[in-house]
């Protein structure tokens, strides 16, 4: 189940996109973006969503230690895994694409 499914590479006729380095993006470093991690929750209903309260646990279909997709403004940028950090949960980036 934990197969990385990345967007398909450019096929025949796809435009050549030059590689982008971090140095090219430095002038834009101040721009805000939304980061999200996608965790699949099977068979979750609106009723369950409306009943959510602080402290509730929502079972997922993702196994512990499995990588989850990391997105910036909706675009897949890499993979991460959750790990405990004191009383919180953090995300460790494992791969950038």
PDB file of N, CA and C in Angstrom:
ATOM      1  N   UNK A   1       0.799  -1.192   0.000  1.00  0.00           N
ATOM      2  CA  UNK A   1       0.000   0.000   0.000  1.00  0.00           C
ATOM      3  C   UNK A   1       0.842   1.257   0.000  1.00  0.00           C
ATOM      4  N   UNK A   2       2.061   1.202   0.537  1.00  0.00           N
ATOM      5  CA  UNK A   2       2.888   2.386   0.628  1.00  0.00           C
ATOM      6  C   UNK A   2       3.766   2.529  -0.609  1.00  0.00           C
ATOM      7  N   UNK A   3       3.162   2.595  -1.757  1.00  0.00           N
ATOM      8  CA  UNK A   3       3.913   2.803  -2.981  1.00  0.00           C
ATOM      9  C   UNK A   3       3.868   4.276  -3.311  1.00  0.00           C
ATOM     10  N   UNK A   4       5.028   4.841  -3.585  1.00  0.00           N
ATOM     11  CA  UNK A   4       5.071   6.246  -3.961  1.00  0.00           C
ATOM     12  C   UNK A   4       4.530   6.380  -5.369  1.00  0.00           C
ATOM     13  N   UNK A   5       3.505   7.177  -5.500  1.00  0.00           N
ATOM     14  CA  UNK A   5       2.942   7.400  -6.824  1.00  0.00           C
ATOM     15  C   UNK A   5       3.129   8.865  -7.174  1.00  0.00           C
ATOM     16  N   UNK A   6       4.223   9.120  -7.858  1.00  0.00           N
ATOM     17  CA  UNK A   6       4.552  10.470  -8.258  1.00  0.00           C
ATOM     18  C   UNK A   6       3.853  10.808  -9.561  1.00  0.00           C
ATOM     19  N   UNK A   7       3.685  12.087  -9.853  1.00  0.00           N
ATOM     20  CA  UNK A   7       3.105  12.460 -11.138  1.00  0.00           C
ATOM     21  C   UNK A   7       3.959  11.907 -12.270  1.00  0.00           C
ATOM     22  N   UNK A   8       3.348  11.560 -13.407  1.00  0.00           N
ATOM     23  CA  UNK A   8       4.120  10.994 -14.506  1.00  0.00           C
ATOM     24  C   UNK A   8       5.126  11.995 -15.067  1.00  0.00           C
ATOM     25  N   UNK A   9       6.245  11.458 -15.490  1.00  0.00           N
ATOM     26  CA  UNK A   9       7.260  12.279 -16.144  1.00  0.00           C
ATOM     27  C   UNK A   9       6.752  12.723 -17.507  1.00  0.00           C
ATOM     28  N   UNK A  10       7.348  13.758 -18.039  1.00  0.00           N
ATOM     29  CA  UNK A  10       6.951  14.229 -19.361  1.00  0.00           C
ATOM     30  C   UNK A  10       7.170  13.156 -20.403  1.00  0.00           C
ATOM     31  N   UNK A  11       6.187  12.911 -21.201  1.00  0.00           N
ATOM     32  CA  UNK A  11       6.282  11.900 -22.241  1.00  0.00           C
ATOM     33  C   UNK A  11       6.689  12.532 -23.557  1.00  0.00           C
ATOM     34  N   UNK A  12       6.475  11.821 -24.643  1.00  0.00           N
ATOM     35  CA  UNK A  12       6.817  12.364 -25.947  1.00  0.00           C
ATOM     36  C   UNK A  12       6.045  13.658 -26.205  1.00  0.00           C
ATOM     37  N   UNK A  13       6.760  14.650 -26.666  1.00  0.00           N
ATOM     38  CA  UNK A  13       6.127  15.925 -26.982  1.00  0.00           C
ATOM     39  C   UNK A  13       5.993  16.854 -25.790  1.00  0.00           C
ATOM     40  N   UNK A  14       6.392  16.387 -24.587  1.00  0.00           N
ATOM     41  CA  UNK A  14       6.317  17.249 -23.400  1.00  0.00           C
ATOM     42  C   UNK A  14       7.413  18.308 -23.490  1.00  0.00           C
ATOM     43  N   UNK A  15       7.136  19.524 -23.028  1.00  0.00           N
ATOM     44  CA  UNK A  15       8.153  20.582 -23.104  1.00  0.00           C
ATOM     45  C   UNK A  15       9.323  20.270 -22.183  1.00  0.00           C
ATOM     46  N   UNK A  16      10.526  20.669 -22.603  1.00  0.00           N
ATOM     47  CA  UNK A  16      11.700  20.511 -21.755  1.00  0.00           C
ATOM     48  C   UNK A  16      11.677  21.619 -20.713  1.00  0.00           C
ATOM     49  N   UNK A  17      11.718  21.227 -19.455  1.00  0.00           N
ATOM     50  CA  UNK A  17      11.720  22.201 -18.372  1.00  0.00           C
ATOM     51  C   UNK A  17      13.102  22.183 -17.749  1.00  0.00           C
ATOM     52  N   UNK A  18      13.783  23.332 -17.717  1.00  0.00           N
ATOM     53  CA  UNK A  18      15.137  23.349 -17.173  1.00  0.00           C
ATOM     54  C   UNK A  18      15.126  23.065 -15.668  1.00  0.00           C
ATOM     55  N   UNK A  19      16.210  22.480 -15.185  1.00  0.00           N
ATOM     56  CA  UNK A  19      16.340  22.217 -13.754  1.00  0.00           C
ATOM     57  C   UNK A  19      16.371  23.541 -13.002  1.00  0.00           C
ATOM     58  N   UNK A  20      15.781  23.547 -11.829  1.00  0.00           N
ATOM     59  CA  UNK A  20      15.716  24.757 -11.015  1.00  0.00           C
ATOM     60  C   UNK A  20      16.552  24.527  -9.769  1.00  0.00           C
ATOM     61  N   UNK A  21      17.456  25.450  -9.493  1.00  0.00           N
ATOM     62  CA  UNK A  21      18.269  25.323  -8.289  1.00  0.00           C
ATOM     63  C   UNK A  21      17.711  26.236  -7.208  1.00  0.00           C
ATOM     64  N   UNK A  22      18.080  25.943  -5.964  1.00  0.00           N
ATOM     65  CA  UNK A  22      17.616  26.755  -4.834  1.00  0.00           C
ATOM     66  C   UNK A  22      18.064  28.204  -4.994  1.00  0.00           C
ATOM     67  N   UNK A  23      19.225  28.422  -5.602  1.00  0.00           N
ATOM     68  CA  UNK A  23      19.731  29.784  -5.779  1.00  0.00           C
ATOM     69  C   UNK A  23      18.792  30.618  -6.654  1.00  0.00           C
ATOM     70  N   UNK A  24      18.165  29.982  -7.639  1.00  0.00           N
ATOM     71  CA  UNK A  24      17.232  30.709  -8.505  1.00  0.00           C
ATOM     72  C   UNK A  24      16.008  31.190  -7.753  1.00  0.00           C
ATOM     73  N   UNK A  25      15.655  30.515  -6.661  1.00  0.00           N
ATOM     74  CA  UNK A  25      14.436  30.842  -5.915  1.00  0.00           C
ATOM     75  C   UNK A  25      14.679  31.770  -4.741  1.00  0.00           C
ATOM     76  N   UNK A  26      15.929  32.059  -4.392  1.00  0.00           N
ATOM     77  CA  UNK A  26      16.219  32.888  -3.210  1.00  0.00           C
ATOM     78  C   UNK A  26      15.497  34.229  -3.217  1.00  0.00           C
ATOM     79  N   UNK A  27      15.381  34.933  -4.350  1.00  0.00           N
ATOM     80  CA  UNK A  27      14.674  36.220  -4.319  1.00  0.00           C
ATOM     81  C   UNK A  27      13.204  36.085  -3.941  1.00  0.00           C
ATOM     82  N   UNK A  28      12.653  34.881  -4.037  1.00  0.00           N
ATOM     83  CA  UNK A  28      11.237  34.668  -3.740  1.00  0.00           C
ATOM     84  C   UNK A  28      11.040  34.027  -2.365  1.00  0.00           C
ATOM     85  N   UNK A  29      12.087  33.942  -1.567  1.00  0.00           N
ATOM     86  CA  UNK A  29      12.036  33.261  -0.281  1.00  0.00           C
ATOM     87  C   UNK A  29      11.014  33.804   0.690  1.00  0.00           C
ATOM     88  N   UNK A  30      10.617  35.031   0.524  1.00  0.00           N
ATOM     89  CA  UNK A  30       9.659  35.639   1.445  1.00  0.00           C
ATOM     90  C   UNK A  30       8.209  35.317   1.097  1.00  0.00           C
ATOM     91  N   UNK A  31       7.950  34.743  -0.086  1.00  0.00           N
ATOM     92  CA  UNK A  31       6.575  34.444  -0.489  1.00  0.00           C
ATOM     93  C   UNK A  31       5.987  33.339   0.387  1.00  0.00           C
ATOM     94  N   UNK A  32       4.777  33.542   0.909  1.00  0.00           N
ATOM     95  CA  UNK A  32       4.163  32.492   1.733  1.00  0.00           C
ATOM     96  C   UNK A  32       3.669  31.327   0.877  1.00  0.00           C
ATOM     97  N   UNK A  33       3.626  30.144   1.467  1.00  0.00           N
ATOM     98  CA  UNK A  33       3.049  28.978   0.799  1.00  0.00           C
ATOM     99  C   UNK A  33       2.400  28.091   1.852  1.00  0.00           C
ATOM    100  N   UNK A  34       1.474  27.258   1.422  1.00  0.00           N
ATOM    101  CA  UNK A  34       0.792  26.326   2.305  1.00  0.00           C
ATOM    102  C   UNK A  34       1.402  24.947   2.129  1.00  0.00           C
ATOM    103  N   UNK A  35       1.897  24.361   3.214  1.00  0.00           N
ATOM    104  CA  UNK A  35       2.418  23.000   3.185  1.00  0.00           C
ATOM    105  C   UNK A  35       1.350  22.067   3.730  1.00  0.00           C
ATOM    106  N   UNK A  36       1.210  20.923   3.107  1.00  0.00           N
ATOM    107  CA  UNK A  36       0.238  19.942   3.594  1.00  0.00           C
ATOM    108  C   UNK A  36       0.803  18.539   3.449  1.00  0.00           C
ATOM    109  N   UNK A  37       0.404  17.686   4.370  1.00  0.00           N
ATOM    110  CA  UNK A  37       0.731  16.265   4.327  1.00  0.00           C
ATOM    111  C   UNK A  37      -0.575  15.521   4.145  1.00  0.00           C
ATOM    112  N   UNK A  38      -0.602  14.584   3.219  1.00  0.00           N
ATOM    113  CA  UNK A  38      -1.834  13.863   2.917  1.00  0.00           C
ATOM    114  C   UNK A  38      -1.830  12.500   3.582  1.00  0.00           C
ATOM    115  N   UNK A  39      -2.812  12.284   4.448  1.00  0.00           N
ATOM    116  CA  UNK A  39      -2.967  11.006   5.125  1.00  0.00           C
ATOM    117  C   UNK A  39      -4.343  10.458   4.754  1.00  0.00           C
ATOM    118  N   UNK A  40      -4.412   9.295   4.111  1.00  0.00           N
ATOM    119  CA  UNK A  40      -5.704   8.758   3.707  1.00  0.00           C
ATOM    120  C   UNK A  40      -6.523   8.274   4.907  1.00  0.00           C
ATOM    121  N   UNK A  41      -7.774   8.688   4.940  1.00  0.00           N
ATOM    122  CA  UNK A  41      -8.712   8.257   5.972  1.00  0.00           C
ATOM    123  C   UNK A  41      -9.883   7.620   5.240  1.00  0.00           C
ATOM    124  N   UNK A  42      -9.981   6.289   5.316  1.00  0.00           N
ATOM    125  CA  UNK A  42     -11.022   5.565   4.584  1.00  0.00           C
ATOM    126  C   UNK A  42     -12.335   5.588   5.351  1.00  0.00           C
ATOM    127  N   UNK A  43     -13.413   5.646   4.620  1.00  0.00           N
ATOM    128  CA  UNK A  43     -14.766   5.534   5.178  1.00  0.00           C
ATOM    129  C   UNK A  43     -15.052   6.585   6.238  1.00  0.00           C
ATOM    130  N   UNK A  44     -14.574   7.797   6.044  1.00  0.00           N
ATOM    131  CA  UNK A  44     -14.817   8.906   6.974  1.00  0.00           C
ATOM    132  C   UNK A  44     -16.036   9.658   6.480  1.00  0.00           C
ATOM    133  N   UNK A  45     -17.005   9.873   7.356  1.00  0.00           N
ATOM    134  CA  UNK A  45     -18.256  10.500   6.945  1.00  0.00           C
ATOM    135  C   UNK A  45     -18.345  11.942   7.440  1.00  0.00           C
ATOM    136  N   UNK A  46     -19.257  12.691   6.869  1.00  0.00           N
ATOM    137  CA  UNK A  46     -19.492  14.061   7.313  1.00  0.00           C
ATOM    138  C   UNK A  46     -19.947  14.051   8.774  1.00  0.00           C
ATOM    139  N   UNK A  47     -20.745  13.067   9.151  1.00  0.00           N
ATOM    140  CA  UNK A  47     -21.197  12.951  10.541  1.00  0.00           C
ATOM    141  C   UNK A  47     -19.996  12.845  11.483  1.00  0.00           C
ATOM    142  N   UNK A  48     -19.003  12.017  11.106  1.00  0.00           N
ATOM    143  CA  UNK A  48     -17.798  11.881  11.935  1.00  0.00           C
ATOM    144  C   UNK A  48     -17.008  13.185  11.979  1.00  0.00           C
ATOM    145  N   UNK A  49     -16.951  13.880  10.842  1.00  0.00           N
ATOM    146  CA  UNK A  49     -16.263  15.169  10.784  1.00  0.00           C
ATOM    147  C   UNK A  49     -16.912  16.173  11.727  1.00  0.00           C
ATOM    148  N   UNK A  50     -18.239  16.224  11.735  1.00  0.00           N
ATOM    149  CA  UNK A  50     -18.958  17.162  12.589  1.00  0.00           C
ATOM    150  C   UNK A  50     -18.815  16.826  14.077  1.00  0.00           C
ATOM    151  N   UNK A  51     -18.527  15.572  14.386  1.00  0.00           N
ATOM    152  CA  UNK A  51     -18.385  15.146  15.780  1.00  0.00           C
ATOM    153  C   UNK A  51     -16.947  15.245  16.295  1.00  0.00           C
ATOM    154  N   UNK A  52     -16.000  15.663  15.445  1.00  0.00           N
ATOM    155  CA  UNK A  52     -14.608  15.757  15.886  1.00  0.00           C
ATOM    156  C   UNK A  52     -14.469  16.770  17.015  1.00  0.00           C
ATOM    157  N   UNK A  53     -13.646  16.427  17.975  1.00  0.00           N
ATOM    158  CA  UNK A  53     -13.359  17.307  19.100  1.00  0.00           C
ATOM    159  C   UNK A  53     -11.879  17.153  19.443  1.00  0.00           C
ATOM    160  N   UNK A  54     -11.309  18.144  20.123  1.00  0.00           N
ATOM    161  CA  UNK A  54      -9.903  18.013  20.527  1.00  0.00           C
ATOM    162  C   UNK A  54      -9.690  16.720  21.314  1.00  0.00           C
ATOM    163  N   UNK A  55      -8.614  16.026  20.978  1.00  0.00           N
ATOM    164  CA  UNK A  55      -8.292  14.782  21.657  1.00  0.00           C
ATOM    165  C   UNK A  55      -8.815  13.530  20.980  1.00  0.00           C
ATOM    166  N   UNK A  56      -9.715  13.691  19.982  1.00  0.00           N
ATOM    167  CA  UNK A  56     -10.201  12.519  19.249  1.00  0.00           C
ATOM    168  C   UNK A  56      -9.073  11.912  18.432  1.00  0.00           C
ATOM    169  N   UNK A  57      -9.149  10.618  18.233  1.00  0.00           N
ATOM    170  CA  UNK A  57      -8.191   9.904  17.388  1.00  0.00           C
ATOM    171  C   UNK A  57      -8.932   9.420  16.157  1.00  0.00           C
ATOM    172  N   UNK A  58      -8.373   9.714  14.982  1.00  0.00           N
ATOM    173  CA  UNK A  58      -8.983   9.313  13.719  1.00  0.00           C
ATOM    174  C   UNK A  58      -8.116   8.202  13.123  1.00  0.00           C
ATOM    175  N   UNK A  59      -8.658   6.998  12.976  1.00  0.00           N
ATOM    176  CA  UNK A  59      -7.859   5.914  12.383  1.00  0.00           C
ATOM    177  C   UNK A  59      -7.610   6.173  10.899  1.00  0.00           C
ATOM    178  N   UNK A  60      -6.407   5.859  10.457  1.00  0.00           N
ATOM    179  CA  UNK A  60      -6.050   6.062   9.055  1.00  0.00           C
ATOM    180  C   UNK A  60      -5.622   4.739   8.441  1.00  0.00           C
ATOM    181  N   UNK A  61      -5.423   4.771   7.137  1.00  0.00           N
ATOM    182  CA  UNK A  61      -4.956   3.584   6.426  1.00  0.00           C
ATOM    183  C   UNK A  61      -3.442   3.625   6.210  1.00  0.00           C
ATOM    184  N   UNK A  62      -2.781   4.590   6.831  1.00  0.00           N
ATOM    185  CA  UNK A  62      -1.338   4.725   6.651  1.00  0.00           C
ATOM    186  C   UNK A  62      -0.641   4.029   7.801  1.00  0.00           C
ATOM    187  N   UNK A  63       0.365   3.209   7.523  1.00  0.00           N
ATOM    188  CA  UNK A  63       1.061   2.494   8.584  1.00  0.00           C
ATOM    189  C   UNK A  63       2.138   3.378   9.202  1.00  0.00           C
ATOM    190  N   UNK A  64       2.457   3.089  10.441  1.00  0.00           N
ATOM    191  CA  UNK A  64       3.456   3.872  11.167  1.00  0.00           C
ATOM    192  C   UNK A  64       4.801   3.790  10.448  1.00  0.00           C
ATOM    193  N   UNK A  65       5.443   4.912  10.299  1.00  0.00           N
ATOM    194  CA  UNK A  65       6.735   4.965   9.629  1.00  0.00           C
ATOM    195  C   UNK A  65       6.636   5.054   8.109  1.00  0.00           C
ATOM    196  N   UNK A  66       5.439   4.962   7.564  1.00  0.00           N
ATOM    197  CA  UNK A  66       5.269   5.051   6.110  1.00  0.00           C
ATOM    198  C   UNK A  66       5.366   6.506   5.673  1.00  0.00           C
ATOM    199  N   UNK A  67       5.846   6.711   4.488  1.00  0.00           N
ATOM    200  CA  UNK A  67       5.972   8.073   3.972  1.00  0.00           C
ATOM    201  C   UNK A  67       4.635   8.580   3.452  1.00  0.00           C
ATOM    202  N   UNK A  68       4.409   9.882   3.635  1.00  0.00           N
ATOM    203  CA  UNK A  68       3.185  10.525   3.162  1.00  0.00           C
ATOM    204  C   UNK A  68       3.572  11.631   2.190  1.00  0.00           C
ATOM    205  N   UNK A  69       2.709  11.918   1.201  1.00  0.00           N
ATOM    206  CA  UNK A  69       3.009  12.971   0.238  1.00  0.00           C
ATOM    207  C   UNK A  69       3.075  14.345   0.914  1.00  0.00           C
ATOM    208  N   UNK A  70       4.061  15.141   0.539  1.00  0.00           N
ATOM    209  CA  UNK A  70       4.245  16.512   1.027  1.00  0.00           C
ATOM    210  C   UNK A  70       3.955  17.450  -0.130  1.00  0.00           C
ATOM    211  N   UNK A  71       3.032  18.380   0.066  1.00  0.00           N
ATOM    212  CA  UNK A  71       2.644  19.310  -0.994  1.00  0.00           C
ATOM    213  C   UNK A  71       2.843  20.755  -0.553  1.00  0.00           C
ATOM    214  N   UNK A  72       3.242  21.588  -1.493  1.00  0.00           N
ATOM    215  CA  UNK A  72       3.332  23.039  -1.285  1.00  0.00           C
ATOM    216  C   UNK A  72       2.377  23.677  -2.279  1.00  0.00           C
ATOM    217  N   UNK A  73       1.394  24.393  -1.756  1.00  0.00           N
ATOM    218  CA  UNK A  73       0.353  25.009  -2.593  1.00  0.00           C
ATOM    219  C   UNK A  73      -0.271  23.994  -3.556  1.00  0.00           C
ATOM    220  N   UNK A  74      -0.466  22.774  -3.069  1.00  0.00           N
ATOM    221  CA  UNK A  74      -1.125  21.746  -3.862  1.00  0.00           C
ATOM    222  C   UNK A  74      -0.212  20.945  -4.781  1.00  0.00           C
ATOM    223  N   UNK A  75       1.034  21.360  -4.947  1.00  0.00           N
ATOM    224  CA  UNK A  75       1.976  20.662  -5.829  1.00  0.00           C
ATOM    225  C   UNK A  75       2.825  19.696  -5.022  1.00  0.00           C
ATOM    226  N   UNK A  76       2.953  18.460  -5.491  1.00  0.00           N
ATOM    227  CA  UNK A  76       3.794  17.480  -4.820  1.00  0.00           C
ATOM    228  C   UNK A  76       5.242  17.939  -4.868  1.00  0.00           C
ATOM    229  N   UNK A  77       5.861  18.087  -3.689  1.00  0.00           N
ATOM    230  CA  UNK A  77       7.264  18.497  -3.644  1.00  0.00           C
ATOM    231  C   UNK A  77       8.151  17.456  -2.980  1.00  0.00           C
ATOM    232  N   UNK A  78       7.541  16.446  -2.354  1.00  0.00           N
ATOM    233  CA  UNK A  78       8.362  15.432  -1.715  1.00  0.00           C
ATOM    234  C   UNK A  78       7.552  14.488  -0.867  1.00  0.00           C
ATOM    235  N   UNK A  79       8.286  13.796   0.003  1.00  0.00           N
ATOM    236  CA  UNK A  79       7.693  12.792   0.888  1.00  0.00           C
ATOM    237  C   UNK A  79       8.200  13.030   2.296  1.00  0.00           C
ATOM    238  N   UNK A  80       7.372  12.718   3.282  1.00  0.00           N
ATOM    239  CA  UNK A  80       7.748  12.909   4.683  1.00  0.00           C
ATOM    240  C   UNK A  80       7.197  11.753   5.504  1.00  0.00           C
ATOM    241  N   UNK A  81       7.693  11.633   6.729  1.00  0.00           N
ATOM    242  CA  UNK A  81       7.147  10.652   7.647  1.00  0.00           C
ATOM    243  C   UNK A  81       6.921  11.331   8.993  1.00  0.00           C
ATOM    244  N   UNK A  82       5.893  10.895   9.697  1.00  0.00           N
ATOM    245  CA  UNK A  82       5.578  11.463  10.992  1.00  0.00           C
ATOM    246  C   UNK A  82       6.492  10.858  12.044  1.00  0.00           C
ATOM    247  N   UNK A  83       6.820  11.670  13.052  1.00  0.00           N
ATOM    248  CA  UNK A  83       7.580  11.150  14.178  1.00  0.00           C
ATOM    249  C   UNK A  83       7.239  11.961  15.420  1.00  0.00           C
ATOM    250  N   UNK A  84       7.240  11.327  16.572  1.00  0.00           N
ATOM    251  CA  UNK A  84       6.911  12.031  17.809  1.00  0.00           C
ATOM    252  C   UNK A  84       8.021  13.011  18.194  1.00  0.00           C
ATOM    253  N   UNK A  85       7.605  14.184  18.671  1.00  0.00           N
ATOM    254  CA  UNK A  85       8.527  15.205  19.153  1.00  0.00           C
ATOM    255  C   UNK A  85       7.956  15.687  20.489  1.00  0.00           C
ATOM    256  N   UNK A  86       8.391  15.086  21.569  1.00  0.00           N
ATOM    257  CA  UNK A  86       7.831  15.416  22.881  1.00  0.00           C
ATOM    258  C   UNK A  86       6.356  15.039  22.920  1.00  0.00           C
ATOM    259  N   UNK A  87       5.509  16.020  23.250  1.00  0.00           N
ATOM    260  CA  UNK A  87       4.060  15.792  23.302  1.00  0.00           C
ATOM    261  C   UNK A  87       3.390  16.095  21.968  1.00  0.00           C
ATOM    262  N   UNK A  88       4.169  16.368  20.940  1.00  0.00           N
ATOM    263  CA  UNK A  88       3.624  16.737  19.633  1.00  0.00           C
ATOM    264  C   UNK A  88       4.032  15.703  18.599  1.00  0.00           C
ATOM    265  N   UNK A  89       3.504  15.876  17.405  1.00  0.00           N
ATOM    266  CA  UNK A  89       3.915  15.027  16.292  1.00  0.00           C
ATOM    267  C   UNK A  89       4.531  15.941  15.240  1.00  0.00           C
ATOM    268  N   UNK A  90       5.655  15.524  14.712  1.00  0.00           N
ATOM    269  CA  UNK A  90       6.341  16.292  13.698  1.00  0.00           C
ATOM    270  C   UNK A  90       6.406  15.519  12.402  1.00  0.00           C
ATOM    271  N   UNK A  91       6.919  16.173  11.373  1.00  0.00           N
ATOM    272  CA  UNK A  91       7.093  15.517  10.085  1.00  0.00           C
ATOM    273  C   UNK A  91       8.535  15.701   9.637  1.00  0.00           C
ATOM    274  N   UNK A  92       9.175  14.588   9.335  1.00  0.00           N
ATOM    275  CA  UNK A  92      10.554  14.616   8.839  1.00  0.00           C
ATOM    276  C   UNK A  92      10.514  14.444   7.332  1.00  0.00           C
ATOM    277  N   UNK A  93      11.081  15.392   6.601  1.00  0.00           N
ATOM    278  CA  UNK A  93      11.126  15.287   5.140  1.00  0.00           C
ATOM    279  C   UNK A  93      12.157  14.231   4.782  1.00  0.00           C
ATOM    280  N   UNK A  94      11.722  13.245   4.013  1.00  0.00           N
ATOM    281  CA  UNK A  94      12.609  12.144   3.636  1.00  0.00           C
ATOM    282  C   UNK A  94      13.088  12.241   2.201  1.00  0.00           C
ATOM    283  N   UNK A  95      12.325  12.941   1.360  1.00  0.00           N
ATOM    284  CA  UNK A  95      12.694  13.043  -0.052  1.00  0.00           C
ATOM    285  C   UNK A  95      12.037  14.267  -0.665  1.00  0.00           C
ATOM    286  N   UNK A  96      12.804  15.010  -1.439  1.00  0.00           N
ATOM    287  CA  UNK A  96      12.262  16.114  -2.221  1.00  0.00           C
ATOM    288  C   UNK A  96      12.338  15.733  -3.686  1.00  0.00           C
ATOM    289  N   UNK A  97      11.272  16.038  -4.430  1.00  0.00           N
ATOM    290  CA  UNK A  97      11.243  15.670  -5.854  1.00  0.00           C
ATOM    291  C   UNK A  97      11.378  16.890  -6.720  1.00  0.00           C
TER     292      UNK A  97
END
